Protein backbone atom coordinates (compact mmCIF):
# COMPACT_ATOMS: atom_id res chain seq x y z
CA MET A 1 32.22 17.43 95.05
CA LYS A 2 33.35 18.48 98.55
CA GLU A 3 35.48 15.02 98.02
CA ALA A 4 37.05 16.55 95.25
CA LYS A 5 37.88 19.51 96.55
CA PRO A 6 41.15 18.60 98.18
CA ALA A 7 42.16 17.18 94.88
CA ILE A 8 41.63 19.93 92.86
CA ASN A 9 43.62 22.08 95.04
CA ARG A 10 46.60 19.86 94.96
CA TYR A 11 46.50 19.35 90.97
CA LEU A 12 46.15 23.07 90.57
CA PHE A 13 48.61 24.06 93.48
CA ASP A 14 51.22 22.01 91.80
CA ARG A 15 50.66 23.63 88.34
CA THR A 16 51.14 26.90 89.78
CA VAL A 17 54.11 29.14 91.28
CA VAL A 18 53.97 32.68 92.36
CA ILE A 19 55.79 35.76 90.13
CA ALA A 20 57.29 38.02 92.63
CA ALA A 21 58.46 41.30 91.51
CA HIS A 22 61.38 42.60 94.21
CA ASN A 23 63.61 45.92 94.80
CA GLU A 24 66.93 43.53 95.60
CA GLN A 25 65.63 43.57 99.42
CA THR A 26 62.09 42.51 99.39
CA PRO A 27 59.13 41.24 97.55
CA TYR A 28 56.80 44.48 96.53
CA ASP A 29 54.36 42.85 94.22
CA HIS A 30 53.50 39.61 92.88
CA GLY A 31 50.93 37.95 90.78
CA THR A 32 50.26 34.41 89.98
CA GLY A 33 51.97 31.86 87.19
CA MET A 34 51.34 28.53 85.55
CA LEU A 35 53.54 26.23 84.40
CA VAL A 36 53.14 25.21 80.58
CA ARG A 37 55.44 23.22 77.69
CA ALA A 38 55.21 24.11 74.28
CA ASN A 39 57.43 22.77 72.06
CA ASP A 40 58.68 20.66 75.12
CA THR A 41 60.40 24.17 76.39
CA PRO A 42 58.97 25.08 79.76
CA LEU A 43 57.33 28.23 80.10
CA ILE A 44 55.76 30.41 82.95
CA VAL A 45 52.27 31.80 81.56
CA THR A 46 50.65 34.48 83.70
CA ALA A 47 48.86 38.19 82.92
CA ALA A 48 51.41 40.54 80.72
CA HIS A 49 50.53 43.59 83.97
CA VAL A 50 52.11 40.78 86.24
CA ILE A 51 55.67 40.85 84.22
CA GLU A 52 55.82 44.02 81.96
CA ARG A 53 56.69 46.69 84.24
CA HIS A 54 59.43 45.01 85.38
CA ASP A 55 63.08 43.79 84.35
CA VAL A 56 63.44 40.10 84.15
CA GLU A 57 66.37 39.96 86.76
CA ARG A 58 63.83 41.72 89.19
CA LEU A 59 61.57 39.03 89.30
CA GLN A 60 61.65 36.04 91.02
CA ILE A 61 59.94 32.28 90.76
CA VAL A 62 58.81 31.50 94.51
CA ALA A 63 57.35 27.41 94.07
CA GLN A 64 57.96 26.25 97.80
CA GLU A 65 54.99 25.02 99.72
CA LYS A 66 56.58 25.85 103.32
CA PRO A 67 57.99 29.62 104.12
CA SER A 68 61.18 30.06 102.32
CA ASN A 69 63.15 32.55 101.09
CA LEU A 70 64.68 30.27 98.27
CA ARG A 71 63.38 31.79 94.56
CA ALA A 72 64.86 31.63 91.09
CA ALA A 73 64.51 34.06 88.40
CA PRO A 74 63.35 33.49 84.85
CA GLU A 75 65.87 34.66 82.21
CA GLU A 76 63.49 35.66 79.47
CA LYS A 77 59.62 37.00 78.87
CA ASP A 78 57.21 37.81 76.29
CA PHE A 79 53.53 39.27 76.09
CA MET A 80 50.86 40.84 74.79
CA SER A 81 49.19 43.96 76.32
CA GLY A 82 46.62 46.94 75.77
CA VAL A 83 45.95 49.86 77.75
CA SER A 84 41.86 49.30 78.21
CA ASP A 85 39.79 46.89 79.78
CA ASP A 86 39.17 45.21 76.25
CA ASP A 87 42.74 44.21 75.48
CA LEU A 88 45.10 41.96 75.72
CA ASP A 89 46.68 40.80 78.75
CA VAL A 90 48.74 37.77 78.32
CA GLY A 91 52.46 36.40 78.73
CA TYR A 92 55.11 34.36 79.53
CA LEU A 93 58.50 33.57 81.38
CA ARG A 94 60.96 31.06 80.10
CA PRO A 95 62.48 29.69 83.26
CA SER A 96 66.01 29.84 83.57
CA GLU A 97 68.46 26.18 84.15
CA TRP A 98 68.68 27.50 87.59
CA CYS A 99 64.99 28.22 87.96
CA LEU A 100 63.84 24.74 86.43
CA ARG A 101 65.52 23.35 89.29
CA GLN A 102 63.69 24.63 91.88
CA LEU A 103 60.70 23.54 89.51
CA ALA A 104 61.51 19.99 89.69
CA HIS A 105 58.80 19.05 92.34
CA LYS A 106 56.21 20.75 90.18
CA SER A 107 54.23 19.38 86.97
CA TRP A 108 53.49 21.06 83.56
CA LEU A 109 50.59 21.29 81.65
CA THR A 110 50.48 21.08 77.98
CA LEU A 111 48.65 22.48 75.39
CA ASP A 112 46.03 19.16 75.92
CA ASP A 113 45.31 20.70 79.09
CA PHE A 114 43.55 23.75 77.34
CA GLU A 115 39.81 24.36 75.86
CA LEU A 116 40.42 26.70 73.03
CA PHE A 117 36.40 26.87 72.48
CA PRO A 118 34.37 25.91 75.33
CA GLU A 119 30.65 24.93 75.08
CA GLY A 120 28.31 24.13 77.38
CA LEU A 121 29.78 25.96 79.76
CA ALA A 122 26.74 26.90 81.76
CA GLU A 123 25.95 23.16 82.74
CA ASP A 124 29.67 22.81 83.93
CA LEU A 125 31.48 24.32 87.17
CA THR A 126 34.03 27.07 86.88
CA MET A 127 36.64 27.74 88.78
CA THR A 128 39.45 30.33 89.40
CA PHE A 129 42.77 29.44 90.96
CA GLY A 130 45.98 31.79 92.50
CA MET A 131 47.66 32.90 94.97
CA PRO A 132 45.90 36.07 96.51
CA GLU A 133 47.79 38.80 98.81
CA ALA A 134 45.39 38.18 101.30
CA ALA A 135 47.39 34.88 101.99
CA HIS A 136 50.81 36.20 102.03
CA LYS A 137 52.88 35.75 105.09
CA THR A 138 56.05 37.00 106.00
CA GLU A 139 58.43 35.55 108.83
CA HIS A 140 61.17 37.70 110.16
CA GLY A 141 60.50 40.19 107.47
CA ILE A 142 62.61 37.90 104.26
CA ILE A 143 60.94 34.52 104.96
CA HIS A 144 57.72 33.95 102.70
CA LEU A 145 55.18 32.20 102.12
CA TYR A 146 52.47 32.24 99.43
CA ASP A 147 49.01 30.21 100.04
CA SER A 148 46.54 29.59 97.32
CA PHE A 149 42.78 30.03 96.93
CA LEU A 150 40.13 28.25 95.10
CA TYR A 151 36.89 29.94 94.13
CA GLN A 152 34.01 27.76 92.54
CA THR A 153 31.41 29.29 90.58
CA ASN A 154 29.98 29.19 87.07
CA VAL A 155 28.83 31.13 84.15
CA PRO A 156 26.03 31.84 81.83
CA GLU A 157 25.09 30.70 78.52
CA ASP A 158 26.35 33.60 76.77
CA PHE A 159 29.97 32.97 77.55
CA ASP A 160 29.50 29.70 74.97
CA TRP A 161 31.94 30.55 72.91
CA GLY A 162 31.08 27.58 70.37
CA LYS A 163 28.53 29.62 68.75
CA PRO A 164 29.06 31.35 65.72
CA GLY A 165 29.93 35.21 66.11
CA SER A 166 30.54 34.69 69.79
CA ARG A 167 34.28 34.87 70.89
CA PRO A 168 34.82 37.93 72.96
CA LEU A 169 38.38 38.29 74.16
CA ASN A 170 37.34 38.13 77.48
CA MET A 171 35.09 36.72 80.08
CA ARG A 172 33.68 38.04 83.32
CA MET A 173 32.59 35.99 86.55
CA GLU A 174 31.27 37.40 89.74
CA TYR A 175 33.39 37.27 92.78
CA PRO A 176 31.28 38.50 95.70
CA GLU A 177 32.58 39.63 99.07
CA ARG A 178 30.99 36.56 100.83
CA VAL A 179 29.47 33.12 99.72
CA LEU A 180 27.22 30.97 101.31
CA ASP A 181 29.39 27.56 101.97
CA VAL A 182 27.11 24.77 100.69
CA PHE A 183 28.77 21.94 102.85
CA THR A 184 28.87 23.61 106.28
CA GLY A 185 25.50 26.11 105.18
CA GLU A 186 28.01 29.32 106.81
CA TRP A 187 28.78 32.34 105.08
CA GLN A 188 32.39 32.62 104.12
CA ASP A 189 34.52 35.83 103.32
CA LEU A 190 36.15 35.51 100.20
CA PRO A 191 39.71 36.90 100.10
CA GLU A 192 40.17 39.88 97.48
CA PRO A 193 41.57 38.43 94.47
CA TYR A 194 45.01 40.57 94.20
CA GLY A 195 48.02 38.59 93.56
CA MET A 196 45.81 36.24 91.71
CA SER A 197 46.15 38.12 88.14
CA GLY A 198 47.87 35.54 85.67
CA GLY A 199 46.29 32.60 87.37
CA GLY A 200 43.64 29.87 85.76
CA ILE A 201 39.95 29.91 85.17
CA TRP A 202 39.70 26.47 84.47
CA ARG A 203 36.49 24.45 83.61
CA ALA A 204 35.79 21.41 85.97
CA ARG A 205 34.07 18.95 82.97
CA PHE A 206 32.19 17.22 85.54
CA LYS A 207 29.71 16.53 83.08
CA ASP A 208 29.23 12.57 81.83
CA SER A 209 32.01 11.28 83.92
CA LEU A 210 31.46 8.66 86.23
CA PHE A 211 34.76 8.83 87.73
CA TRP A 212 36.04 12.09 87.69
CA ILE A 213 39.79 12.86 88.18
CA PRO A 214 41.46 16.49 88.60
CA ALA A 215 42.82 16.02 84.72
CA ARG A 216 39.84 16.38 83.29
CA MET A 217 39.86 20.04 83.79
CA ARG A 218 40.69 22.36 81.07
CA LEU A 219 42.30 25.64 81.36
CA ILE A 220 39.85 28.44 79.62
CA GLY A 221 41.43 31.57 80.65
CA ILE A 222 44.17 33.78 82.92
CA ASN A 223 42.66 36.05 85.43
CA SER A 224 43.78 39.48 84.51
CA MET A 225 41.65 41.88 86.06
CA PHE A 226 39.25 42.42 89.57
CA PHE A 227 36.39 44.77 89.02
CA GLU A 228 35.40 45.68 92.61
CA GLU A 229 32.53 47.83 92.58
CA ASP A 230 31.08 44.96 90.23
CA ARG A 231 32.72 42.44 91.97
CA GLU A 232 33.54 40.87 88.83
CA ILE A 233 36.76 38.91 87.52
CA GLN A 234 38.06 39.42 84.26
CA ALA A 235 39.75 36.78 82.34
CA ASN A 236 41.46 36.60 78.79
CA ARG A 237 40.33 33.74 77.11
CA ILE A 238 43.06 31.18 76.49
CA GLU A 239 43.03 31.53 72.94
CA ALA A 240 44.81 35.16 73.43
CA LEU A 241 47.61 33.46 75.18
CA ILE A 242 47.59 30.25 72.14
CA HIS A 243 48.29 33.70 69.49
CA LEU A 244 51.25 34.78 71.39
CA LEU A 245 52.59 31.50 72.15
CA ALA A 246 52.21 30.63 68.43
CA LYS A 247 54.65 33.62 67.31
CA ASP A 248 57.48 31.09 68.85
CA PHE A 249 56.26 27.51 68.82
CA PRO A 250 55.17 25.32 66.05
CA GLU A 251 53.13 23.24 68.16
CA ALA A 252 51.00 26.22 69.76
CA ASP A 253 50.51 27.52 65.88
CA ALA A 254 49.47 23.93 64.79
CA TYR A 255 46.86 23.52 67.73
CA LEU A 256 45.44 26.51 67.02
CA ASP A 257 44.53 25.53 63.67
CA ARG A 258 43.21 22.01 64.45
CA GLU A 259 41.02 23.88 67.32
CA THR A 260 40.10 26.56 65.06
CA GLU A 261 39.02 23.81 61.86
CA ALA A 262 37.41 21.34 64.49
CA LEU A 263 35.03 24.32 65.53
CA GLU A 264 34.43 25.20 61.63
CA ARG A 265 33.41 21.78 61.52
CA ARG A 266 31.06 21.63 64.27
CA ARG A 267 29.30 24.96 63.05
CA SER A 268 28.50 23.84 59.32
């Protein structure tokens, strides 16, 4: 696992961006987004609350690895959101042509990289990835660098959504203040996850793989909320995003039907 971590970070970073809200002078808030193609249309998927409060022209996509003040704006947004902890919190941006040119060095997920109804998660490794505010640095007040953070954990058996009658909209995972590094034996402080909203909850799929590669991972959720008192993060299952995409993209609609039928066959 220690040897795989740099490869996992690289794989996820290449498919992840920062969505920064600005006031024409400086960014004042940010979240995380992931690059996805649906019907060959490039999209930046995220949590709804990252984008719904801001005009599109006040959103900037930051995708550089080095400190930079170069940003690019999307041209359209759509989202589904609610007013309580149990409601929808998914959305997407449609990048402009200029924005896409700034993303030319990045990689894109497809719907085949999703897992709608994951089974056996308790026996697997789950991770959350995003761009926390704690890792946001500035130079001279105008040049910004957003770094990433990966936290690995697992989920209990009751998150096995392949079981009949077990399809919650949200999932929760622990996010403690400190963890014991299994490789060094030392305690490590975790950064507060603010800014990681819109980032991915991923399943590693290590089991039964003699030669594992990061491309085996599957996106199962979108990070949406942090409960500080409980030290838990909440995410919408990826099914919520698929329902949003299915409104405009036939590929997502067909994917939803196909995966739902496959789930029903496994249950019968």
